[in-house]
Amino acid sequence: MGVLYLRGQQLGRSDLNIFLTNSSGHPVNAAEISYALCDVTTGAEVVVGPQRRVPVNSAVGEYYVSIIVPLDANIGAYRVRWTMREVVGGPLQTVVQEFEIRDRETKEPLLYTAIETDLIRRLRILLRDQNPDRNYRFRPPAHEETVDQFSKVFGYIWENEELQEYLQRGLDMVVASPPRTPFNSVDQLVNTQREWTTLLLTGAMYWALQALQINWVSEEFSVAPETKVRVVLPDGEEVDVEIEELYQTCCGEA
C-alpha cells in the first residue's frame, strides 16, 4: 500500500484528494459529491462515522478529506469511497482510494537500502507510476458519454518489491554485458560507476514493462466469426454483417 498516515495526523489538501475534469481536461465541480471512510483492517469493509461526509472544495474540481486520524484508530488498511454525480439527475459514479494507518511508535522495517529506495523512486517517475491520483485520475464523463456505475481504485501499478526485482534483473544485464564488470548489488554499482545508473534503470524499465505484456497475453481473446458488426456505407446506410464475411470482403480470403 503506497499511502500511509499516522494516528493523530491532520489530513489536508495534499493527502486524500480528488481532481475532477471534463472530457476536455478542464476542471469542473460535481453536481453532488460525498465520501465515506471505510475500515478494512479486519478484511471486511466497515463504514466509520457518517456515510455521506462532505469534502472540502478548495478549488474548481478539487476536493479533499479534512480529518484528524483518531488516536485510537485501528491499525491497518482503510478506504475512502467517493460518490458523485457529474450533473443533477445523472448516474452515480464511485471512486475508491486506499490508504493505511500506522501508530506513531511503529518502526517501519528496513526492507530497502537508501540507494534502492532512491532508485525505486526514479524508476516510478520513468514509468509514470509515481502519482496514481494524477496520472490515472477519475474523469467524469461528458454529457454525451454517459458511463453507468464507473468505478476505479487508485494505486500503484508495481509494488516496491517488484521494482526491486526489476532493478536486480537490470543489474544482471549490466554485469553480463561486455566488458563484464561484476557487481554484488545495485548499491555497489551506483557507488562505483554512478554514470551507469541510467543503464541500470533502463534495464529495470524493460523488465517492468515486459511483466505488463505478460499480463496482456493472458487477457487476449478472439471474436467468433459469426459475430455481427454494424458497418456504415458511403451513402450513410447502416448494415449488420458477420465479421467473417467482412474480413473476406476486405481481404479476399478466408
C-alpha atoms as a PDB file:
ATOM      1  CA  MET A   1       0.000   0.000   0.000  1.00  0.00           C
ATOM      2  CA  GLY A   2       1.524   3.300  -1.105  1.00  0.00           C
ATOM      3  CA  VAL A   3      -0.278   5.916   1.108  1.00  0.00           C
ATOM      4  CA  LEU A   4       0.483   5.858   4.833  1.00  0.00           C
ATOM      5  CA  TYR A   5      -0.862   8.068   7.638  1.00  0.00           C
ATOM      6  CA  LEU A   6      -0.336   8.049  11.406  1.00  0.00           C
ATOM      7  CA  ARG A   7      -2.671   8.163  14.377  1.00  0.00           C
ATOM      8  CA  GLY A   8      -3.339  11.771  15.355  1.00  0.00           C
ATOM      9  CA  GLN A   9      -2.268  13.138  11.958  1.00  0.00           C
ATOM     10  CA  GLN A  10      -4.195  16.049  10.426  1.00  0.00           C
ATOM     11  CA  LEU A  11      -5.085  15.265   6.803  1.00  0.00           C
ATOM     12  CA  GLY A  12      -5.306  18.187   4.440  1.00  0.00           C
ATOM     13  CA  ARG A  13      -5.312  19.336   0.845  1.00  0.00           C
ATOM     14  CA  SER A  14      -2.280  17.311  -0.271  1.00  0.00           C
ATOM     15  CA  ASP A  15      -3.433  13.996   1.226  1.00  0.00           C
ATOM     16  CA  LEU A  16      -6.681  12.205   0.319  1.00  0.00           C
ATOM     17  CA  ASN A  17      -7.783  14.404  -2.567  1.00  0.00           C
ATOM     18  CA  ILE A  18      -9.549  14.032  -5.882  1.00  0.00           C
ATOM     19  CA  PHE A  19      -9.492  16.164  -9.037  1.00  0.00           C
ATOM     20  CA  LEU A  20     -12.421  16.191 -11.442  1.00  0.00           C
ATOM     21  CA  THR A  21     -12.184  17.282 -15.075  1.00  0.00           C
ATOM     22  CA  ASN A  22     -14.492  17.203 -18.065  1.00  0.00           C
ATOM     23  CA  SER A  23     -13.774  15.459 -21.357  1.00  0.00           C
ATOM     24  CA  SER A  24     -11.699  18.469 -22.469  1.00  0.00           C
ATOM     25  CA  GLY A  25      -9.478  18.251 -19.414  1.00  0.00           C
ATOM     26  CA  HIS A  26     -10.860  21.394 -17.764  1.00  0.00           C
ATOM     27  CA  PRO A  27     -11.572  21.354 -14.003  1.00  0.00           C
ATOM     28  CA  VAL A  28     -15.249  21.032 -13.168  1.00  0.00           C
ATOM     29  CA  ASN A  29     -17.204  20.734  -9.933  1.00  0.00           C
ATOM     30  CA  ALA A  30     -19.558  17.817  -9.406  1.00  0.00           C
ATOM     31  CA  ALA A  31     -23.281  18.448  -9.009  1.00  0.00           C
ATOM     32  CA  GLU A  32     -23.171  16.169  -5.975  1.00  0.00           C
ATOM     33  CA  ILE A  33     -20.210  14.652  -4.115  1.00  0.00           C
ATOM     34  CA  SER A  34     -19.615  12.968  -0.761  1.00  0.00           C
ATOM     35  CA  TYR A  35     -17.295  10.371   0.732  1.00  0.00           C
ATOM     36  CA  ALA A  36     -17.269   7.623   3.332  1.00  0.00           C
ATOM     37  CA  LEU A  37     -14.320   6.405   5.398  1.00  0.00           C
ATOM     38  CA  CYS A  38     -14.132   2.617   5.476  1.00  0.00           C
ATOM     39  CA  ASP A  39     -12.147   0.439   7.897  1.00  0.00           C
ATOM     40  CA  VAL A  40     -10.955  -2.772   6.210  1.00  0.00           C
ATOM     41  CA  THR A  41      -8.423  -3.811   8.874  1.00  0.00           C
ATOM     42  CA  THR A  42     -10.414  -7.000   9.552  1.00  0.00           C
ATOM     43  CA  GLY A  43     -10.823  -7.869   5.865  1.00  0.00           C
ATOM     44  CA  ALA A  44     -14.438  -6.690   5.791  1.00  0.00           C
ATOM     45  CA  GLU A  45     -15.313  -3.124   4.823  1.00  0.00           C
ATOM     46  CA  VAL A  46     -16.951  -1.207   7.703  1.00  0.00           C
ATOM     47  CA  VAL A  47     -18.016   2.436   7.328  1.00  0.00           C
ATOM     48  CA  VAL A  48     -16.564   4.643  10.064  1.00  0.00           C
ATOM     49  CA  GLY A  49     -18.848   7.520  11.068  1.00  0.00           C
ATOM     50  CA  PRO A  50     -21.296   9.177   8.629  1.00  0.00           C
ATOM     51  CA  GLN A  51     -21.814   7.501   5.271  1.00  0.00           C
ATOM     52  CA  ARG A  52     -22.046  10.828   3.425  1.00  0.00           C
ATOM     53  CA  ARG A  53     -19.274  13.137   4.598  1.00  0.00           C
ATOM     54  CA  VAL A  54     -18.876  16.495   2.833  1.00  0.00           C
ATOM     55  CA  PRO A  55     -15.367  17.112   1.425  1.00  0.00           C
ATOM     56  CA  VAL A  56     -13.595  20.462   1.299  1.00  0.00           C
ATOM     57  CA  ASN A  57     -13.919  22.082  -2.150  1.00  0.00           C
ATOM     58  CA  SER A  58     -10.662  24.075  -2.247  1.00  0.00           C
ATOM     59  CA  ALA A  59     -10.778  24.926  -5.966  1.00  0.00           C
ATOM     60  CA  VAL A  60     -12.863  24.164  -9.042  1.00  0.00           C
ATOM     61  CA  GLY A  61     -12.787  20.390  -9.482  1.00  0.00           C
ATOM     62  CA  GLU A  62     -10.625  19.833  -6.373  1.00  0.00           C
ATOM     63  CA  TYR A  63     -11.937  18.101  -3.273  1.00  0.00           C
ATOM     64  CA  TYR A  64     -10.148  16.638  -0.267  1.00  0.00           C
ATOM     65  CA  VAL A  65     -10.734  14.877   3.048  1.00  0.00           C
ATOM     66  CA  SER A  66     -10.108  17.079   6.083  1.00  0.00           C
ATOM     67  CA  ILE A  67      -9.976  14.967   9.238  1.00  0.00           C
ATOM     68  CA  ILE A  68      -7.695  14.178  12.152  1.00  0.00           C
ATOM     69  CA  VAL A  69      -6.881  10.473  12.304  1.00  0.00           C
ATOM     70  CA  PRO A  70      -8.215   9.308  15.704  1.00  0.00           C
ATOM     71  CA  LEU A  71      -5.585   8.335  18.254  1.00  0.00           C
ATOM     72  CA  ASP A  72      -7.444   5.050  18.824  1.00  0.00           C
ATOM     73  CA  ALA A  73      -7.977   4.229  15.142  1.00  0.00           C
ATOM     74  CA  ASN A  74      -7.443   0.591  14.220  1.00  0.00           C
ATOM     75  CA  ILE A  75      -4.073  -0.134  12.652  1.00  0.00           C
ATOM     76  CA  GLY A  76      -4.187  -1.352   9.053  1.00  0.00           C
ATOM     77  CA  ALA A  77      -5.922  -0.803   5.737  1.00  0.00           C
ATOM     78  CA  TYR A  78      -8.611   1.798   5.041  1.00  0.00           C
ATOM     79  CA  ARG A  79     -10.506   3.165   2.057  1.00  0.00           C
ATOM     80  CA  VAL A  80     -12.116   6.446   1.065  1.00  0.00           C
ATOM     81  CA  ARG A  81     -15.167   5.718  -1.044  1.00  0.00           C
ATOM     82  CA  TRP A  82     -16.117   8.788  -3.085  1.00  0.00           C
ATOM     83  CA  THR A  83     -19.629   9.025  -4.541  1.00  0.00           C
ATOM     84  CA  MET A  84     -20.540  11.728  -7.037  1.00  0.00           C
ATOM     85  CA  ARG A  85     -22.809  12.887  -9.846  1.00  0.00           C
ATOM     86  CA  GLU A  86     -21.499  14.986 -12.696  1.00  0.00           C
ATOM     87  CA  VAL A  87     -24.879  16.595 -13.363  1.00  0.00           C
ATOM     88  CA  VAL A  88     -28.152  16.762 -11.457  1.00  0.00           C
ATOM     89  CA  GLY A  89     -30.059  13.531 -12.099  1.00  0.00           C
ATOM     90  CA  GLY A  90     -27.006  11.880 -13.672  1.00  0.00           C
ATOM     91  CA  PRO A  91     -25.702   8.407 -12.777  1.00  0.00           C
ATOM     92  CA  LEU A  92     -23.773   7.918  -9.559  1.00  0.00           C
ATOM     93  CA  GLN A  93     -20.033   7.455 -10.019  1.00  0.00           C
ATOM     94  CA  THR A  94     -17.804   5.726  -7.435  1.00  0.00           C
ATOM     95  CA  VAL A  95     -14.077   6.109  -6.868  1.00  0.00           C
ATOM     96  CA  VAL A  96     -12.096   4.274  -4.185  1.00  0.00           C
ATOM     97  CA  GLN A  97      -8.788   5.421  -2.671  1.00  0.00           C
ATOM     98  CA  GLU A  98      -6.809   3.046  -0.483  1.00  0.00           C
ATOM     99  CA  PHE A  99      -4.512   4.037   2.377  1.00  0.00           C
ATOM    100  CA  GLU A 100      -3.074   2.671   5.611  1.00  0.00           C
ATOM    101  CA  ILE A 101      -2.952   3.877   9.209  1.00  0.00           C
ATOM    102  CA  ARG A 102       0.015   3.142  11.479  1.00  0.00           C
ATOM    103  CA  ASP A 103       0.867   4.013  15.070  1.00  0.00           C
ATOM    104  CA  ARG A 104       3.439   6.752  15.634  1.00  0.00           C
ATOM    105  CA  GLU A 105       5.560   4.354  17.672  1.00  0.00           C
ATOM    106  CA  THR A 106       5.640   1.695  14.973  1.00  0.00           C
ATOM    107  CA  LYS A 107       9.032   1.310  13.355  1.00  0.00           C
ATOM    108  CA  GLU A 108       8.952   0.606   9.639  1.00  0.00           C
ATOM    109  CA  PRO A 109      11.141  -2.413   8.854  1.00  0.00           C
ATOM    110  CA  LEU A 110      14.167  -1.618   6.702  1.00  0.00           C
ATOM    111  CA  LEU A 111      13.404  -3.536   3.522  1.00  0.00           C
ATOM    112  CA  TYR A 112      15.437  -1.452   1.095  1.00  0.00           C
ATOM    113  CA  THR A 113      18.723   0.385   1.266  1.00  0.00           C
ATOM    114  CA  ALA A 114      18.743   4.157   0.816  1.00  0.00           C
ATOM    115  CA  ILE A 115      20.090   3.726  -2.721  1.00  0.00           C
ATOM    116  CA  GLU A 116      17.419   1.139  -3.599  1.00  0.00           C
ATOM    117  CA  THR A 117      14.714   3.445  -2.247  1.00  0.00           C
ATOM    118  CA  ASP A 118      16.013   6.286  -4.413  1.00  0.00           C
ATOM    119  CA  LEU A 119      16.244   4.034  -7.478  1.00  0.00           C
ATOM    120  CA  ILE A 120      12.678   2.795  -6.932  1.00  0.00           C
ATOM    121  CA  ARG A 121      11.534   6.429  -6.769  1.00  0.00           C
ATOM    122  CA  ARG A 122      13.359   7.235 -10.020  1.00  0.00           C
ATOM    123  CA  LEU A 123      12.005   4.107 -11.675  1.00  0.00           C
ATOM    124  CA  ARG A 124       8.430   5.059 -10.792  1.00  0.00           C
ATOM    125  CA  ILE A 125       8.968   8.503 -12.353  1.00  0.00           C
ATOM    126  CA  LEU A 126      10.338   6.973 -15.569  1.00  0.00           C
ATOM    127  CA  LEU A 127       7.408   4.530 -15.698  1.00  0.00           C
ATOM    128  CA  ARG A 128       4.830   7.287 -14.990  1.00  0.00           C
ATOM    129  CA  ASP A 129       3.762   5.420 -11.854  1.00  0.00           C
ATOM    130  CA  GLN A 130       4.798   7.918  -9.188  1.00  0.00           C
ATOM    131  CA  ASN A 131       1.428   9.637  -8.777  1.00  0.00           C
ATOM    132  CA  PRO A 132      -1.661   7.461  -9.420  1.00  0.00           C
ATOM    133  CA  ASP A 133      -4.037  10.247  -8.357  1.00  0.00           C
ATOM    134  CA  ARG A 134      -2.662  12.483 -11.104  1.00  0.00           C
ATOM    135  CA  ASN A 135      -1.689  10.053 -13.850  1.00  0.00           C
ATOM    136  CA  TYR A 136      -4.736   7.790 -13.608  1.00  0.00           C
ATOM    137  CA  ARG A 137      -7.329  10.099 -12.085  1.00  0.00           C
ATOM    138  CA  PHE A 138     -11.064   9.719 -12.484  1.00  0.00           C
ATOM    139  CA  ARG A 139     -12.622  11.912 -15.154  1.00  0.00           C
ATOM    140  CA  PRO A 140     -16.403  12.439 -15.052  1.00  0.00           C
ATOM    141  CA  PRO A 141     -17.936  11.513 -18.426  1.00  0.00           C
ATOM    142  CA  ALA A 142     -19.100  14.245 -20.778  1.00  0.00           C
ATOM    143  CA  HIS A 143     -22.858  14.663 -21.186  1.00  0.00           C
ATOM    144  CA  GLU A 144     -22.829  12.710 -24.439  1.00  0.00           C
ATOM    145  CA  GLU A 145     -20.636   9.949 -22.978  1.00  0.00           C
ATOM    146  CA  THR A 146     -22.664   8.699 -20.017  1.00  0.00           C
ATOM    147  CA  VAL A 147     -20.994   5.775 -18.249  1.00  0.00           C
ATOM    148  CA  ASP A 148     -23.083   3.903 -15.676  1.00  0.00           C
ATOM    149  CA  GLN A 149     -21.535   2.963 -12.324  1.00  0.00           C
ATOM    150  CA  PHE A 150     -17.951   3.689 -13.334  1.00  0.00           C
ATOM    151  CA  SER A 151     -15.510   2.825 -10.568  1.00  0.00           C
ATOM    152  CA  LYS A 152     -11.776   2.843 -10.101  1.00  0.00           C
ATOM    153  CA  VAL A 153      -9.211   2.120  -7.383  1.00  0.00           C
ATOM    154  CA  PHE A 154      -6.229   4.440  -7.146  1.00  0.00           C
ATOM    155  CA  GLY A 155      -2.968   2.598  -6.656  1.00  0.00           C
ATOM    156  CA  TYR A 156       0.493   1.912  -7.996  1.00  0.00           C
ATOM    157  CA  ILE A 157       0.906  -0.472 -10.921  1.00  0.00           C
ATOM    158  CA  TRP A 158       4.016  -2.016  -9.396  1.00  0.00           C
ATOM    159  CA  GLU A 159       4.782  -2.743  -5.732  1.00  0.00           C
ATOM    160  CA  ASN A 160       8.181  -1.759  -4.335  1.00  0.00           C
ATOM    161  CA  GLU A 161       9.139  -5.429  -4.106  1.00  0.00           C
ATOM    162  CA  GLU A 162       8.505  -5.870  -7.832  1.00  0.00           C
ATOM    163  CA  LEU A 163      10.537  -2.785  -8.770  1.00  0.00           C
ATOM    164  CA  GLN A 164      13.376  -4.035  -6.576  1.00  0.00           C
ATOM    165  CA  GLU A 165      13.316  -7.321  -8.517  1.00  0.00           C
ATOM    166  CA  TYR A 166      13.381  -5.471 -11.859  1.00  0.00           C
ATOM    167  CA  LEU A 167      16.362  -3.427 -10.643  1.00  0.00           C
ATOM    168  CA  GLN A 168      18.152  -6.683  -9.815  1.00  0.00           C
ATOM    169  CA  ARG A 169      17.407  -8.040 -13.297  1.00  0.00           C
ATOM    170  CA  GLY A 170      18.685  -4.778 -14.770  1.00  0.00           C
ATOM    171  CA  LEU A 171      21.860  -5.215 -12.711  1.00  0.00           C
ATOM    172  CA  ASP A 172      22.301  -8.726 -14.120  1.00  0.00           C
ATOM    173  CA  MET A 173      22.056  -7.320 -17.648  1.00  0.00           C
ATOM    174  CA  VAL A 174      24.784  -4.790 -16.880  1.00  0.00           C
ATOM    175  CA  VAL A 175      27.035  -7.443 -15.332  1.00  0.00           C
ATOM    176  CA  ALA A 176      26.537  -9.862 -18.231  1.00  0.00           C
ATOM    177  CA  SER A 177      27.309  -7.290 -20.921  1.00  0.00           C
ATOM    178  CA  PRO A 178      30.906  -6.733 -22.081  1.00  0.00           C
ATOM    179  CA  PRO A 179      33.149  -5.622 -20.601  1.00  0.00           C
ATOM    180  CA  ARG A 180      31.927  -7.947 -17.856  1.00  0.00           C
ATOM    181  CA  THR A 181      32.090  -5.996 -14.620  1.00  0.00           C
ATOM    182  CA  PRO A 182      30.750  -7.963 -11.639  1.00  0.00           C
ATOM    183  CA  PHE A 183      28.699  -6.002  -9.130  1.00  0.00           C
ATOM    184  CA  ASN A 184      27.351  -7.611  -5.973  1.00  0.00           C
ATOM    185  CA  SER A 185      24.459  -5.151  -5.636  1.00  0.00           C
ATOM    186  CA  VAL A 186      22.883  -2.045  -7.111  1.00  0.00           C
ATOM    187  CA  ASP A 187      24.450  -0.114  -4.222  1.00  0.00           C
ATOM    188  CA  GLN A 188      27.927  -1.136  -5.402  1.00  0.00           C
ATOM    189  CA  LEU A 189      27.182  -0.144  -8.997  1.00  0.00           C
ATOM    190  CA  VAL A 190      25.850   3.290  -8.025  1.00  0.00           C
ATOM    191  CA  ASN A 191      28.752   3.922  -5.628  1.00  0.00           C
ATOM    192  CA  THR A 192      31.491   2.857  -8.049  1.00  0.00           C
ATOM    193  CA  GLN A 193      30.031   3.593 -11.502  1.00  0.00           C
ATOM    194  CA  ARG A 194      27.365   6.228 -10.906  1.00  0.00           C
ATOM    195  CA  GLU A 195      27.248   7.139 -14.603  1.00  0.00           C
ATOM    196  CA  TRP A 196      25.848   3.643 -15.269  1.00  0.00           C
ATOM    197  CA  THR A 197      22.708   4.334 -13.209  1.00  0.00           C
ATOM    198  CA  THR A 198      20.681   5.265 -16.281  1.00  0.00           C
ATOM    199  CA  LEU A 199      21.654   1.963 -17.911  1.00  0.00           C
ATOM    200  CA  LEU A 200      20.504   0.138 -14.774  1.00  0.00           C
ATOM    201  CA  LEU A 201      17.169   1.961 -14.740  1.00  0.00           C
ATOM    202  CA  THR A 202      16.640   1.325 -18.444  1.00  0.00           C
ATOM    203  CA  GLY A 203      17.085  -2.402 -17.879  1.00  0.00           C
ATOM    204  CA  ALA A 204      14.662  -2.294 -14.948  1.00  0.00           C
ATOM    205  CA  MET A 205      12.090  -0.492 -17.126  1.00  0.00           C
ATOM    206  CA  TYR A 206      12.436  -3.255 -19.725  1.00  0.00           C
ATOM    207  CA  TRP A 207      11.578  -5.945 -17.170  1.00  0.00           C
ATOM    208  CA  ALA A 208       8.746  -3.913 -15.622  1.00  0.00           C
ATOM    209  CA  LEU A 209       7.054  -3.296 -18.966  1.00  0.00           C
ATOM    210  CA  GLN A 210       7.601  -6.903 -20.047  1.00  0.00           C
ATOM    211  CA  ALA A 211       5.742  -8.015 -16.911  1.00  0.00           C
ATOM    212  CA  LEU A 212       2.761  -5.930 -18.075  1.00  0.00           C
ATOM    213  CA  GLN A 213       2.953  -7.536 -21.521  1.00  0.00           C
ATOM    214  CA  ILE A 214       2.806 -10.983 -19.932  1.00  0.00           C
ATOM    215  CA  ASN A 215      -0.427  -9.956 -18.204  1.00  0.00           C
ATOM    216  CA  TRP A 216      -1.834  -8.707 -21.503  1.00  0.00           C
ATOM    217  CA  VAL A 217      -1.104 -12.063 -23.172  1.00  0.00           C
ATOM    218  CA  SER A 218      -3.199 -13.858 -20.551  1.00  0.00           C
ATOM    219  CA  GLU A 219      -6.070 -11.453 -21.219  1.00  0.00           C
ATOM    220  CA  GLU A 220      -6.102 -11.828 -25.004  1.00  0.00           C
ATOM    221  CA  PHE A 221      -9.287 -13.088 -26.620  1.00  0.00           C
ATOM    222  CA  SER A 222     -10.704 -13.640 -30.103  1.00  0.00           C
ATOM    223  CA  VAL A 223     -14.108 -12.858 -31.576  1.00  0.00           C
ATOM    224  CA  ALA A 224     -16.269 -15.602 -33.089  1.00  0.00           C
ATOM    225  CA  PRO A 225     -16.515 -15.341 -36.918  1.00  0.00           C
ATOM    226  CA  GLU A 226     -20.310 -15.202 -36.770  1.00  0.00           C
ATOM    227  CA  THR A 227     -20.254 -12.127 -34.542  1.00  0.00           C
ATOM    228  CA  LYS A 228     -22.062  -9.275 -36.274  1.00  0.00           C
ATOM    229  CA  VAL A 229     -20.782  -5.712 -36.530  1.00  0.00           C
ATOM    230  CA  ARG A 230     -22.520  -2.630 -37.878  1.00  0.00           C
ATOM    231  CA  VAL A 231     -20.943  -1.090 -40.984  1.00  0.00           C
ATOM    232  CA  VAL A 232     -21.764   2.400 -42.263  1.00  0.00           C
ATOM    233  CA  LEU A 233     -21.697   2.535 -46.087  1.00  0.00           C
ATOM    234  CA  PRO A 234     -20.530   5.626 -48.053  1.00  0.00           C
ATOM    235  CA  ASP A 235     -24.156   6.612 -48.706  1.00  0.00           C
ATOM    236  CA  GLY A 236     -24.896   6.599 -44.997  1.00  0.00           C
ATOM    237  CA  GLU A 237     -26.788   3.291 -44.965  1.00  0.00           C
ATOM    238  CA  GLU A 238     -26.052   1.032 -41.984  1.00  0.00           C
ATOM    239  CA  VAL A 239     -25.888  -2.756 -42.396  1.00  0.00           C
ATOM    240  CA  ASP A 240     -25.090  -5.600 -39.992  1.00  0.00           C
ATOM    241  CA  VAL A 241     -22.602  -8.170 -41.307  1.00  0.00           C
ATOM    242  CA  GLU A 242     -20.700 -11.075 -39.809  1.00  0.00           C
ATOM    243  CA  ILE A 243     -17.031 -10.429 -39.044  1.00  0.00           C
ATOM    244  CA  GLU A 244     -16.030 -13.414 -41.206  1.00  0.00           C
ATOM    245  CA  GLU A 245     -17.941 -12.015 -44.207  1.00  0.00           C
ATOM    246  CA  LEU A 246     -16.493  -8.549 -43.648  1.00  0.00           C
ATOM    247  CA  TYR A 247     -12.961  -9.953 -43.480  1.00  0.00           C
ATOM    248  CA  GLN A 248     -13.437 -11.968 -46.677  1.00  0.00           C
ATOM    249  CA  THR A 249     -14.835  -8.913 -48.463  1.00  0.00           C
ATOM    250  CA  CYS A 250     -11.935  -6.696 -47.409  1.00  0.00           C
ATOM    251  CA  CYS A 251      -9.081  -9.219 -47.633  1.00  0.00           C
ATOM    252  CA  GLY A 252     -10.406 -11.613 -50.243  1.00  0.00           C
ATOM    253  CA  GLU A 253      -9.535 -14.737 -48.234  1.00  0.00           C
ATOM    254  CA  ALA A 254     -10.999 -16.939 -45.509  1.00  0.00           C
END
